[in-house]
């Protein structure tokens, strides 16, 4: 069956603790995810050190968090090998060209571009030239911007997937605009997924009935863990329930 592709978005839910990455991989595999996705942050390549603090913690700055969650090439390599051993695809989102080069050197099988970089055409071009499938999230971008990005990426790479995404954390159902999925599929004629930032799983399940080819959902081992994305991350039991329901909807 050509089921949707399920991505457990671990992101930076390891909160700088490398050992938690292995727990996330184990849990994602047990949750029937096809892939687990981390984020490749090289703080000095993607931002300047400002005093802007995080919403969930008024003490820690954004820069400090990204610095804490940096993983070098060796650690990426260890995680990718562990994923291979477990039988789950390793993915990561680069937030700079240096991060993209690190992932390409790692020989990842596909790339994911986050919403914040959707209109970063120089990065999109360089990543597209790696000739691996590229998944691009579209949160916070107008249709005009998405058209420009898609056309630019397609000049260098035929395997482009768009993700409908609303960048509100968590996203209320009334703001989700799921009808964007069939709109994007018709407009671009490419696979379209749903990067779901809602607090539960019902919207992801609904998205499959509208043709979502990829489901990406923030994922954690435990809601007791610390980190900025934990509040909208689902646990393994919920992820497994979501995958089962999505597959039933797909078959129907």
Protein backbone atom coordinates (compact mmCIF):
# COMPACT_ATOMS: atom_id res chain seq x y z
CA UNK A 1 0.00 0.00 0.00
CA UNK A 2 1.17 3.49 -0.82
CA UNK A 3 0.31 4.85 2.63
CA UNK A 4 1.18 8.39 3.71
CA UNK A 5 4.76 8.82 4.93
CA UNK A 6 4.85 9.36 8.72
CA UNK A 7 7.53 11.59 10.22
CA UNK A 8 8.08 11.78 13.98
CA UNK A 9 9.42 15.31 14.47
CA UNK A 10 11.86 14.98 17.37
CA UNK A 11 13.28 18.44 16.55
CA UNK A 12 15.16 19.65 19.59
CA UNK A 13 13.05 17.74 22.12
CA UNK A 14 16.27 16.18 23.42
CA UNK A 15 16.96 19.66 24.87
CA UNK A 16 20.73 19.32 24.54
CA UNK A 17 20.88 15.84 26.11
CA UNK A 18 22.39 13.57 23.42
CA UNK A 19 21.33 10.37 25.22
CA UNK A 20 17.68 11.37 24.82
CA UNK A 21 18.10 11.18 21.03
CA UNK A 22 18.40 7.38 21.22
CA UNK A 23 15.25 7.16 23.36
CA UNK A 24 13.43 9.26 20.77
CA UNK A 25 14.60 6.99 17.93
CA UNK A 26 13.54 3.84 19.81
CA UNK A 27 10.15 5.34 20.61
CA UNK A 28 9.59 6.57 17.04
CA UNK A 29 10.32 3.11 15.65
CA UNK A 30 7.94 1.54 18.17
CA UNK A 31 5.30 4.12 17.18
CA UNK A 32 5.27 2.96 13.52
CA UNK A 33 6.88 6.15 12.18
CA UNK A 34 8.64 5.81 8.82
CA UNK A 35 11.20 8.46 9.74
CA UNK A 36 12.42 10.47 12.69
CA UNK A 37 13.44 14.05 12.08
CA UNK A 38 15.84 16.13 14.12
CA UNK A 39 17.01 19.73 13.52
CA UNK A 40 20.58 20.61 12.54
CA UNK A 41 21.44 23.86 14.30
CA UNK A 42 24.86 25.49 13.95
CA UNK A 43 24.06 28.57 15.99
CA UNK A 44 26.73 30.94 14.65
CA UNK A 45 25.82 30.11 11.03
CA UNK A 46 22.11 30.79 11.45
CA UNK A 47 21.78 33.70 13.90
CA UNK A 48 23.48 36.38 15.90
CA UNK A 49 23.75 36.16 19.67
CA UNK A 50 20.92 38.40 20.86
CA UNK A 51 19.17 38.60 24.22
CA UNK A 52 15.82 37.45 22.79
CA UNK A 53 14.41 34.90 25.22
CA UNK A 54 12.12 31.92 24.66
CA UNK A 55 8.37 32.03 25.30
CA UNK A 56 8.50 29.02 27.65
CA UNK A 57 11.59 30.26 29.52
CA UNK A 58 12.35 33.89 30.19
CA UNK A 59 15.89 33.00 31.29
CA UNK A 60 17.22 31.08 28.27
CA UNK A 61 17.86 32.97 25.02
CA UNK A 62 17.09 31.51 21.59
CA UNK A 63 20.82 31.56 20.80
CA UNK A 64 21.67 29.69 24.02
CA UNK A 65 19.08 27.01 23.24
CA UNK A 66 20.38 26.48 19.70
CA UNK A 67 23.97 26.41 20.95
CA UNK A 68 22.98 23.81 23.54
CA UNK A 69 21.24 21.68 20.88
CA UNK A 70 24.12 21.72 18.38
CA UNK A 71 25.23 18.29 17.19
CA UNK A 72 28.55 17.91 15.37
CA UNK A 73 29.12 15.68 12.33
CA UNK A 74 30.23 12.73 14.46
CA UNK A 75 27.06 12.81 16.57
CA UNK A 76 24.90 13.07 13.44
CA UNK A 77 26.74 10.04 12.08
CA UNK A 78 26.11 8.06 15.27
CA UNK A 79 22.38 8.88 15.15
CA UNK A 80 22.06 8.02 11.47
CA UNK A 81 23.78 4.67 12.01
CA UNK A 82 21.54 3.94 14.99
CA UNK A 83 18.46 4.73 12.87
CA UNK A 84 19.69 2.34 10.16
CA UNK A 85 20.17 -0.38 12.77
CA UNK A 86 16.64 0.24 14.06
CA UNK A 87 15.09 0.29 10.57
CA UNK A 88 13.85 3.88 10.59
CA UNK A 89 14.83 6.72 8.23
CA UNK A 90 17.01 9.49 9.71
CA UNK A 91 16.06 13.03 8.72
CA UNK A 92 17.04 16.49 9.86
CA UNK A 93 16.19 20.09 8.98
CA UNK A 94 19.14 22.38 8.18
CA UNK A 95 18.83 26.01 9.29
CA UNK A 96 21.89 27.22 7.36
CA UNK A 97 23.93 26.24 4.32
CA UNK A 98 26.68 24.92 6.63
CA UNK A 99 24.09 22.63 8.24
CA UNK A 100 22.83 21.50 4.79
CA UNK A 101 26.39 20.66 3.72
CA UNK A 102 26.89 18.64 6.92
CA UNK A 103 23.74 16.61 6.16
CA UNK A 104 24.69 16.09 2.53
CA UNK A 105 28.13 14.83 3.60
CA UNK A 106 26.23 12.44 5.88
CA UNK A 107 24.44 11.10 2.75
CA UNK A 108 20.91 11.63 4.08
CA UNK A 109 18.24 10.22 1.77
CA UNK A 110 16.07 13.36 1.74
CA UNK A 111 15.95 16.94 3.00
CA UNK A 112 13.33 18.89 4.94
CA UNK A 113 13.18 22.69 4.79
CA UNK A 114 11.30 24.36 7.64
CA UNK A 115 8.71 27.12 7.14
CA UNK A 116 11.14 29.81 8.28
CA UNK A 117 13.40 29.02 5.32
CA UNK A 118 10.62 28.53 2.74
CA UNK A 119 11.45 31.84 1.04
CA UNK A 120 15.22 31.52 1.59
CA UNK A 121 15.84 30.98 -2.14
CA UNK A 122 19.67 30.71 -1.92
CA UNK A 123 19.33 27.86 0.62
CA UNK A 124 16.49 26.21 -1.35
CA UNK A 125 18.65 26.31 -4.49
CA UNK A 126 21.71 24.81 -2.84
CA UNK A 127 19.74 22.04 -1.13
CA UNK A 128 17.79 21.27 -4.35
CA UNK A 129 21.11 20.87 -6.19
CA UNK A 130 21.97 17.94 -3.91
CA UNK A 131 19.42 16.04 -6.05
CA UNK A 132 17.71 14.38 -3.08
CA UNK A 133 13.94 14.68 -2.51
CA UNK A 134 13.19 18.00 -0.76
CA UNK A 135 10.20 18.51 1.53
CA UNK A 136 9.34 22.21 2.02
CA UNK A 137 7.02 23.50 4.75
CA UNK A 138 4.97 26.58 3.87
CA UNK A 139 3.88 28.10 7.20
CA UNK A 140 3.80 31.96 7.31
CA UNK A 141 4.21 32.18 3.51
CA UNK A 142 1.77 33.62 0.98
CA UNK A 143 0.78 31.64 -2.10
CA UNK A 144 2.86 34.12 -4.13
CA UNK A 145 5.94 33.20 -2.08
CA UNK A 146 5.19 29.48 -2.32
CA UNK A 147 4.90 29.70 -6.13
CA UNK A 148 8.26 31.52 -6.31
CA UNK A 149 9.93 28.94 -4.05
CA UNK A 150 8.46 25.93 -5.85
CA UNK A 151 9.41 27.21 -9.30
CA UNK A 152 12.94 27.97 -8.13
CA UNK A 153 13.40 24.56 -6.52
CA UNK A 154 12.03 22.78 -9.61
CA UNK A 155 14.74 24.34 -11.78
CA UNK A 156 17.27 22.13 -9.99
CA UNK A 157 15.27 19.19 -8.66
CA UNK A 158 12.14 17.37 -9.82
CA UNK A 159 11.44 15.70 -6.45
CA UNK A 160 9.78 18.50 -4.49
CA UNK A 161 7.11 17.90 -1.83
CA UNK A 162 5.18 20.78 -0.22
CA UNK A 163 3.84 20.68 3.33
CA UNK A 164 0.76 22.60 4.39
CA UNK A 165 1.65 24.14 7.73
CA UNK A 166 0.21 26.73 10.12
CA UNK A 167 2.88 28.22 12.37
CA UNK A 168 0.80 28.71 15.50
CA UNK A 169 1.92 26.58 18.45
CA UNK A 170 -0.39 24.84 19.14
CA UNK A 171 -2.71 25.46 16.16
CA UNK A 172 -6.44 25.61 17.00
CA UNK A 173 -8.68 23.60 14.62
CA UNK A 174 -10.43 26.77 13.41
CA UNK A 175 -7.11 28.15 12.11
CA UNK A 176 -5.90 24.96 10.40
CA UNK A 177 -7.23 25.52 6.83
CA UNK A 178 -6.98 21.86 5.80
CA UNK A 179 -8.56 22.65 2.44
CA UNK A 180 -5.16 24.12 1.54
CA UNK A 181 -3.96 20.53 0.96
CA UNK A 182 -6.15 19.79 -2.12
CA UNK A 183 -5.58 23.40 -3.26
CA UNK A 184 -1.78 22.94 -3.26
CA UNK A 185 -2.04 19.50 -4.92
CA UNK A 186 -4.12 20.96 -7.76
CA UNK A 187 -1.97 24.10 -8.07
CA UNK A 188 1.41 22.37 -8.19
CA UNK A 189 0.67 18.77 -9.18
CA UNK A 190 3.14 17.49 -6.59
CA UNK A 191 2.83 15.43 -3.40
CA UNK A 192 1.55 17.55 -0.50
CA UNK A 193 1.81 16.75 3.20
CA UNK A 194 0.61 18.22 6.48
CA UNK A 195 2.99 19.48 9.16
CA UNK A 196 0.58 19.39 12.07
CA UNK A 197 1.13 21.74 15.00
CA UNK A 198 -2.17 21.02 16.74
CA UNK A 199 -2.20 19.52 20.22
CA UNK A 200 -3.96 16.27 19.23
CA UNK A 201 -4.20 13.82 16.32
CA UNK A 202 -7.68 14.35 14.83
CA UNK A 203 -6.55 17.00 12.31
CA UNK A 204 -3.73 14.80 10.99
CA UNK A 205 -6.24 11.98 10.50
CA UNK A 206 -8.62 14.35 8.69
CA UNK A 207 -5.81 15.57 6.43
CA UNK A 208 -5.43 12.09 4.92
CA UNK A 209 -9.01 12.23 3.61
CA UNK A 210 -8.00 15.44 1.80
CA UNK A 211 -5.02 13.75 0.15
CA UNK A 212 -2.09 14.38 2.53
CA UNK A 213 0.88 12.26 1.37
CA UNK A 214 3.16 13.05 4.33
CA UNK A 215 2.20 13.52 8.00
CA UNK A 216 4.70 15.25 10.26
CA UNK A 217 3.95 15.52 13.95
CA UNK A 218 6.04 16.80 16.88
CA UNK A 219 7.05 13.83 18.99
CA UNK A 220 8.36 13.19 22.50
CA UNK A 221 9.00 10.18 24.72
CA UNK A 222 7.38 11.91 27.70
CA UNK A 223 5.35 15.07 28.31
CA UNK A 224 7.43 15.52 31.46
CA UNK A 225 10.54 16.32 29.41
CA UNK A 226 11.62 19.96 29.17
CA UNK A 227 11.86 21.93 25.92
CA UNK A 228 10.00 24.54 23.86
CA UNK A 229 8.04 22.05 21.70
CA UNK A 230 6.96 19.56 24.36
CA UNK A 231 3.53 21.18 24.85
CA UNK A 232 2.49 20.35 21.27
CA UNK A 233 4.34 17.05 20.98
CA UNK A 234 2.52 13.73 21.14
CA UNK A 235 3.70 10.61 22.95
CA UNK A 236 4.35 7.19 21.35
CA UNK A 237 0.90 5.76 22.19
CA UNK A 238 -0.79 8.74 20.51
CA UNK A 239 1.52 8.57 17.48
CA UNK A 240 0.78 4.86 17.03
CA UNK A 241 -2.96 5.57 17.29
CA UNK A 242 -2.61 8.34 14.70
CA UNK A 243 -0.74 6.10 12.21
CA UNK A 244 -3.35 3.34 12.55
CA UNK A 245 -6.25 5.76 12.04
CA UNK A 246 -4.57 7.52 9.10
CA UNK A 247 -3.98 4.19 7.35
CA UNK A 248 -7.65 3.24 7.85
CA UNK A 249 -8.76 6.57 6.40
CA UNK A 250 -6.36 6.13 3.48
CA UNK A 251 -7.77 2.66 2.71
CA UNK A 252 -11.33 3.99 2.90
